[in-house]
Amino acid sequence: MTRPTPSARIAAVCVRGQRCKTIARNPRRLDLAEAIVSALLETAWQPLDAVLLPAGFLRLPTSIADLDFTGRAEALARTRIGRSLIRQCRRLEAAFPGILMVTGIDGDGMDEGDDQLCVAFGARGVVGVARKLFPTDHDTRNPERAVTPRLADYDCPGRIVALPSGRRAALCACYDVFGFHEGPDTLSARTRAIRQIHDGRRVLADDQDGFAALRRAALASWQARWRGAGVDLALAAIHGFEQPGRDGYWQRHGMACAAAALGGASVGAAHFEDGLPDPKSSTLTAAKVPKAHLKAGPYRRAHALAPTAWVTVRKGGREAALIRLFQV
């Protein structure tokens, strides 16, 4: 007899404005995180598995790419932003036992940075770290400033976190949510954008012998990692959009495809530069999407999921964040 899959309850946070571009903005973002936690403590949303914040919500001054998962977790926990978010998890713990705070953190570098991370914090420290696996064409077009995945990251156990509900979730750094239906022999634009990989000793580029085999091995290990872990939920920290309504491509080809590939659900959080969305629009969440969606191409539907509740956080006299509760 198959046991029913427990529901996961995720508080996804949309933030007004742009990603954090300098470490000087970290204090204001940490203040906003504290306000978000205070707002959640005033709700009756028990139980909650996780609070999900956008990609680039905070910024590191240096790269941690060359560390393994344990080293990255320890390094993040020692930072000011790490200590602050662990403290916020402890505030939440009494009301929401075991809750995780999942947030995007960009590392030092150009544009979004070579380190684009999705990090899960708990009351006892860092429990998950995912470094971007699926760069965009923009990320890798300039080889001197390219986002360079590490081979070890495709099989990193730190990408998978266990939620209080019993569900297992994959942490996704922005475009990683598009990667669940990318296999070893995929020749999509998403796969072709992986133009170089660090194999642990050196960087191998797509014009060098052995690269194609290395990329196939990386994608095979990625598929084996999330499938073997029993993942059926994607938590995606997304950098952002200019305004609500500009996220349709992401919803149809990112969030809905991830839910279909996983046989479960996907939940995203993003910045919205020009203003927050209506609570029931631009939800960046999908569930129970049929497998046929993956082969529908340009005819893919949104399969957007509506929130069950929401609350707005105000800072400086205006709406700063929209927190929406999704049950998936």
Protein backbone atom coordinates (compact mmCIF):
# COMPACT_ATOMS: atom_id res chain seq x y z
CA MET A 1 0.00 0.00 0.00
CA THR A 2 1.43 3.36 -1.05
CA ARG A 3 1.50 5.99 1.66
CA PRO A 4 0.01 9.37 0.75
CA THR A 5 2.58 12.10 0.11
CA PRO A 6 2.50 14.63 2.96
CA SER A 7 1.82 18.25 2.08
CA ALA A 8 4.64 20.75 2.36
CA ARG A 9 3.81 24.28 3.49
CA ILE A 10 6.13 26.95 2.12
CA ALA A 11 6.08 30.69 2.83
CA ALA A 12 7.45 32.20 -0.39
CA VAL A 13 8.54 35.84 -0.23
CA CYS A 14 8.48 38.30 -3.13
CA VAL A 15 10.66 41.35 -2.50
CA ARG A 16 10.18 44.78 -4.02
CA GLY A 17 13.31 46.08 -5.74
CA GLN A 18 16.41 44.52 -7.23
CA ARG A 19 18.83 41.86 -6.06
CA CYS A 20 21.49 42.90 -3.55
CA LYS A 21 24.37 44.19 -5.69
CA THR A 22 26.84 45.21 -2.95
CA ILE A 23 27.65 44.00 0.55
CA ALA A 24 26.78 47.53 1.79
CA ARG A 25 23.11 46.63 1.27
CA ASN A 26 23.28 43.54 3.48
CA PRO A 27 22.24 45.35 6.72
CA ARG A 28 19.01 46.59 5.14
CA ARG A 29 18.26 43.13 3.80
CA LEU A 30 18.87 41.59 7.20
CA ASP A 31 16.47 44.14 8.69
CA LEU A 32 13.89 43.07 6.11
CA ALA A 33 14.47 39.41 6.97
CA GLU A 34 13.81 40.22 10.62
CA ALA A 35 10.58 42.01 9.67
CA ILE A 36 9.50 39.01 7.58
CA VAL A 37 10.08 36.70 10.54
CA SER A 38 8.11 39.02 12.82
CA ALA A 39 5.21 39.00 10.36
CA LEU A 40 5.24 35.19 10.19
CA LEU A 41 5.18 34.95 13.98
CA GLU A 42 1.91 36.91 13.94
CA THR A 43 0.22 34.45 11.57
CA ALA A 44 -1.53 31.19 12.34
CA TRP A 45 0.19 29.36 9.49
CA GLN A 46 1.38 26.38 11.53
CA PRO A 47 2.96 24.15 10.46
CA LEU A 48 5.54 25.65 8.10
CA ASP A 49 8.37 23.79 6.40
CA ALA A 50 10.36 26.69 5.00
CA VAL A 51 10.55 30.41 4.31
CA LEU A 52 11.81 30.98 0.76
CA LEU A 53 13.54 34.25 -0.24
CA PRO A 54 14.75 35.37 -3.71
CA ALA A 55 18.13 34.82 -5.34
CA GLY A 56 20.64 37.54 -4.61
CA PHE A 57 18.76 38.57 -1.47
CA LEU A 58 22.16 38.93 0.21
CA ARG A 59 25.77 39.14 -0.96
CA LEU A 60 29.09 37.64 0.10
CA PRO A 61 32.35 39.62 -0.25
CA THR A 62 34.31 36.58 -1.42
CA SER A 63 33.79 33.35 -3.34
CA ILE A 64 33.36 30.01 -1.57
CA ALA A 65 33.31 27.98 -4.80
CA ASP A 66 36.51 26.06 -4.07
CA LEU A 67 35.25 24.67 -0.75
CA ASP A 68 33.36 21.41 -0.38
CA PHE A 69 29.86 21.34 1.11
CA THR A 70 31.07 21.15 4.72
CA GLY A 71 33.54 23.98 4.16
CA ARG A 72 30.90 26.16 2.50
CA ALA A 73 28.40 25.53 5.30
CA GLU A 74 30.95 26.40 7.96
CA ALA A 75 32.13 29.50 6.10
CA LEU A 76 28.55 30.76 5.61
CA ALA A 77 27.66 30.15 9.26
CA ARG A 78 30.58 32.32 10.35
CA THR A 79 29.55 35.35 8.31
CA ARG A 80 27.43 38.17 9.69
CA ILE A 81 24.59 37.26 7.38
CA GLY A 82 24.84 33.60 8.40
CA ARG A 83 24.76 34.37 12.11
CA SER A 84 21.81 36.70 11.60
CA LEU A 85 19.72 34.20 9.61
CA ILE A 86 20.44 31.38 12.06
CA ARG A 87 19.23 33.71 14.81
CA GLN A 88 16.02 34.37 12.84
CA CYS A 89 15.50 30.61 12.47
CA ARG A 90 15.76 30.28 16.23
CA ARG A 91 13.06 32.93 16.60
CA LEU A 92 10.80 30.89 14.32
CA GLU A 93 11.59 27.53 15.88
CA ALA A 94 9.13 27.69 18.80
CA ALA A 95 6.17 28.42 16.52
CA PHE A 96 7.34 26.37 13.54
CA PRO A 97 9.52 23.46 14.71
CA GLY A 98 12.23 22.47 12.25
CA ILE A 99 11.54 25.33 9.85
CA LEU A 100 14.24 26.28 7.34
CA MET A 101 15.01 29.71 5.94
CA VAL A 102 16.08 29.30 2.31
CA THR A 103 17.64 32.28 0.57
CA GLY A 104 19.68 33.24 -2.44
CA ILE A 105 23.16 34.64 -1.80
CA ASP A 106 25.40 35.91 -4.59
CA GLY A 107 29.16 35.82 -4.25
CA ASP A 108 31.81 38.30 -5.26
CA GLY A 109 32.12 38.88 -8.99
CA MET A 110 30.63 40.61 -11.99
CA ASP A 111 26.87 40.83 -12.61
CA GLU A 112 25.16 38.26 -10.35
CA GLY A 113 28.59 36.83 -9.52
CA ASP A 114 30.30 33.53 -10.22
CA ASP A 115 28.94 32.21 -6.92
CA GLN A 116 25.17 32.11 -7.18
CA LEU A 117 23.99 30.16 -4.16
CA CYS A 118 20.74 28.91 -2.69
CA VAL A 119 21.34 28.31 1.02
CA ALA A 120 19.13 26.66 3.64
CA PHE A 121 19.56 27.83 7.23
CA GLY A 122 18.13 26.15 10.31
CA ALA A 123 18.15 26.89 14.01
CA ARG A 124 21.41 24.95 14.41
CA GLY A 125 23.26 26.23 11.37
CA VAL A 126 23.55 25.80 7.61
CA VAL A 127 21.86 22.59 6.43
CA GLY A 128 21.98 23.00 2.64
CA VAL A 129 24.03 24.82 0.00
CA ALA A 130 23.40 24.68 -3.74
CA ARG A 131 25.73 26.44 -6.15
CA LYS A 132 24.38 27.26 -9.61
CA LEU A 133 24.56 24.30 -12.01
CA PHE A 134 22.69 25.62 -15.04
CA PRO A 135 24.07 29.01 -16.11
CA THR A 136 22.36 31.12 -18.72
CA ASP A 137 23.88 31.96 -22.10
CA HIS A 138 24.63 35.42 -20.65
CA ASP A 139 26.42 33.82 -17.68
CA THR A 140 28.91 31.99 -19.89
CA ARG A 141 29.19 34.03 -23.08
CA ASN A 142 32.34 35.80 -21.85
CA PRO A 143 34.80 33.02 -20.90
CA GLU A 144 36.89 35.34 -18.73
CA ARG A 145 33.90 36.13 -16.49
CA ALA A 146 31.85 32.99 -16.96
CA VAL A 147 29.85 31.27 -14.25
CA THR A 148 31.76 27.99 -13.96
CA PRO A 149 30.01 25.01 -12.36
CA ARG A 150 32.11 22.57 -10.34
CA LEU A 151 31.78 18.93 -11.35
CA ALA A 152 31.35 17.99 -7.68
CA ASP A 153 28.36 20.32 -7.37
CA TYR A 154 26.25 18.17 -9.70
CA ASP A 155 26.42 15.34 -7.17
CA CYS A 156 26.58 17.42 -3.98
CA PRO A 157 24.37 16.02 -1.16
CA GLY A 158 24.02 19.54 0.23
CA ARG A 159 21.64 20.40 -2.62
CA ILE A 160 18.94 18.23 -1.02
CA VAL A 161 17.25 19.14 2.26
CA ALA A 162 14.75 17.27 4.42
CA LEU A 163 11.70 19.30 5.47
CA PRO A 164 9.76 18.91 8.73
CA SER A 165 6.83 17.44 6.79
CA GLY A 166 9.04 14.60 5.60
CA ARG A 167 9.32 15.87 2.02
CA ARG A 168 12.73 16.16 0.40
CA ALA A 169 13.44 19.32 -1.56
CA ALA A 170 16.14 20.33 -4.05
CA LEU A 171 17.59 23.82 -3.59
CA CYS A 172 17.73 25.71 -6.89
CA ALA A 173 19.91 28.73 -7.56
CA CYS A 174 17.81 30.66 -10.08
CA TYR A 175 17.91 28.89 -13.49
CA ASP A 176 18.68 25.55 -11.82
CA VAL A 177 14.92 25.03 -11.67
CA PHE A 178 15.02 24.55 -15.46
CA GLY A 179 17.44 21.65 -15.05
CA PHE A 180 15.28 18.77 -13.85
CA HIS A 181 14.56 17.53 -17.35
CA GLU A 182 18.13 18.03 -18.58
CA GLY A 183 19.74 14.62 -19.07
CA PRO A 184 23.21 13.39 -20.10
CA ASP A 185 22.37 13.45 -23.81
CA THR A 186 20.26 16.60 -23.80
CA LEU A 187 21.29 19.12 -26.44
CA SER A 188 18.99 21.95 -25.39
CA ALA A 189 19.98 25.61 -25.11
CA ARG A 190 20.14 25.09 -21.35
CA THR A 191 22.73 22.35 -21.71
CA ARG A 192 24.70 24.21 -24.39
CA ALA A 193 25.00 27.21 -22.06
CA ILE A 194 27.25 25.08 -19.82
CA ARG A 195 30.40 26.09 -21.65
CA GLN A 196 33.01 25.25 -19.03
CA ILE A 197 33.25 23.04 -15.96
CA HIS A 198 35.84 22.86 -13.19
CA ASP A 199 36.67 19.17 -12.83
CA GLY A 200 38.46 19.54 -9.48
CA ARG A 201 41.86 20.19 -10.99
CA ARG A 202 41.31 22.58 -13.87
CA VAL A 203 38.66 24.34 -15.93
CA LEU A 204 37.72 22.47 -19.10
CA ALA A 205 36.01 24.50 -21.85
CA ASP A 206 33.64 23.33 -24.56
CA ASP A 207 36.29 23.68 -27.29
CA GLN A 208 38.64 21.23 -25.53
CA ASP A 209 38.91 17.46 -25.85
CA GLY A 210 36.97 15.64 -23.18
CA PHE A 211 34.51 18.42 -22.41
CA ALA A 212 31.46 16.73 -23.95
CA ALA A 213 32.08 13.57 -21.91
CA LEU A 214 32.62 15.65 -18.76
CA ARG A 215 29.33 17.50 -19.27
CA ARG A 216 27.48 14.24 -19.88
CA ALA A 217 28.93 12.83 -16.65
CA ALA A 218 27.92 15.97 -14.75
CA LEU A 219 24.32 15.82 -15.96
CA ALA A 220 24.09 12.09 -15.30
CA SER A 221 25.26 12.58 -11.71
CA TRP A 222 22.77 15.43 -11.26
CA GLN A 223 19.87 13.27 -12.42
CA ALA A 224 21.02 10.39 -10.22
CA ARG A 225 21.40 12.67 -7.19
CA TRP A 226 17.90 14.09 -7.07
CA ARG A 227 16.18 10.91 -8.24
CA GLY A 228 18.07 8.76 -5.74
CA ALA A 229 17.23 11.14 -2.91
CA GLY A 230 13.50 10.93 -3.58
CA VAL A 231 13.15 14.63 -4.30
CA ASP A 232 9.68 15.75 -5.36
CA LEU A 233 9.85 19.45 -4.50
CA ALA A 234 11.98 22.24 -5.95
CA LEU A 235 12.64 25.40 -3.94
CA ALA A 236 13.83 28.06 -6.40
CA ALA A 237 15.48 31.31 -5.37
CA ILE A 238 14.99 33.49 -8.49
CA HIS A 239 16.79 36.78 -9.07
CA GLY A 240 13.81 38.74 -10.32
CA PHE A 241 11.66 40.47 -12.90
CA GLU A 242 11.03 44.07 -13.88
CA GLN A 243 7.37 43.79 -12.94
CA PRO A 244 4.59 41.26 -12.37
CA GLY A 245 3.45 39.63 -15.59
CA ARG A 246 6.98 39.36 -16.97
CA ASP A 247 7.36 35.95 -15.37
CA GLY A 248 5.18 33.92 -17.76
CA TYR A 249 8.12 32.16 -19.43
CA TRP A 250 9.46 31.14 -16.04
CA GLN A 251 6.08 29.85 -14.91
CA ARG A 252 5.41 27.72 -18.01
CA HIS A 253 8.91 26.47 -18.84
CA GLY A 254 10.60 26.64 -15.44
CA MET A 255 8.22 26.11 -12.54
CA ALA A 256 5.65 23.92 -14.33
CA CYS A 257 8.30 21.82 -16.07
CA ALA A 258 10.11 21.25 -12.76
CA ALA A 259 6.87 20.10 -11.12
CA ALA A 260 6.17 17.76 -14.04
CA ALA A 261 9.68 16.28 -14.07
CA LEU A 262 9.66 15.76 -10.30
CA GLY A 263 6.15 14.37 -10.17
CA GLY A 264 5.56 16.85 -7.36
CA ALA A 265 5.77 20.61 -7.03
CA SER A 266 7.95 23.69 -7.39
CA VAL A 267 7.88 26.94 -5.42
CA GLY A 268 9.78 30.11 -6.31
CA ALA A 269 10.54 33.49 -4.77
CA ALA A 270 11.77 36.53 -6.69
CA HIS A 271 12.42 40.26 -6.67
CA PHE A 272 9.97 42.49 -8.56
CA GLU A 273 11.62 45.77 -9.43
CA ASP A 274 8.63 48.02 -10.17
CA GLY A 275 6.20 46.76 -7.54
CA LEU A 276 4.88 43.65 -5.88
CA PRO A 277 2.36 41.41 -7.65
CA ASP A 278 -1.23 40.92 -6.69
CA PRO A 279 -1.25 38.05 -4.15
CA LYS A 280 -2.96 35.66 -6.59
CA SER A 281 -0.83 36.49 -9.66
CA SER A 282 2.79 35.79 -10.60
CA THR A 283 2.85 33.02 -8.02
CA LEU A 284 5.87 31.14 -9.47
CA THR A 285 4.48 27.90 -8.04
CA ALA A 286 3.18 24.74 -9.72
CA ALA A 287 1.95 21.33 -8.56
CA LYS A 288 0.38 18.18 -9.99
CA VAL A 289 1.55 19.00 -13.53
CA PRO A 290 1.19 16.03 -15.93
CA LYS A 291 4.31 14.54 -17.52
CA ALA A 292 2.88 15.42 -20.94
CA HIS A 293 3.69 19.04 -20.14
CA LEU A 294 7.37 18.33 -20.79
CA LYS A 295 6.68 17.53 -24.45
CA ALA A 296 4.19 20.36 -25.05
CA GLY A 297 6.87 22.87 -26.14
CA PRO A 298 5.39 26.30 -26.96
CA TYR A 299 1.93 25.02 -25.95
CA ARG A 300 2.87 24.55 -22.30
CA ARG A 301 0.31 25.95 -19.88
CA ALA A 302 1.16 27.88 -16.73
CA HIS A 303 -0.32 25.43 -14.19
CA ALA A 304 0.09 28.20 -11.62
CA LEU A 305 -0.94 27.41 -8.06
CA ALA A 306 -2.77 30.01 -5.96
CA PRO A 307 -1.68 30.78 -2.39
CA THR A 308 -3.82 29.79 0.56
CA ALA A 309 -2.97 32.95 2.54
CA TRP A 310 -0.72 35.99 2.33
CA VAL A 311 0.57 38.96 4.30
CA THR A 312 2.42 42.13 3.25
CA VAL A 313 5.44 43.60 5.02
CA ARG A 314 5.92 47.37 4.94
CA LYS A 315 9.23 49.18 5.41
CA GLY A 316 9.85 52.91 5.11
CA GLY A 317 6.18 53.65 4.47
CA ARG A 318 5.75 51.34 1.48
CA GLU A 319 5.20 47.68 0.68
CA ALA A 320 8.56 45.91 0.81
CA ALA A 321 7.66 42.22 0.65
CA LEU A 322 4.74 39.91 -0.04
CA ILE A 323 4.70 36.63 1.89
CA ARG A 324 2.46 33.94 0.40
CA LEU A 325 1.63 30.56 1.90
CA PHE A 326 1.58 27.63 -0.53
CA GLN A 327 0.52 24.12 0.33
CA VAL A 328 2.02 21.71 -2.21
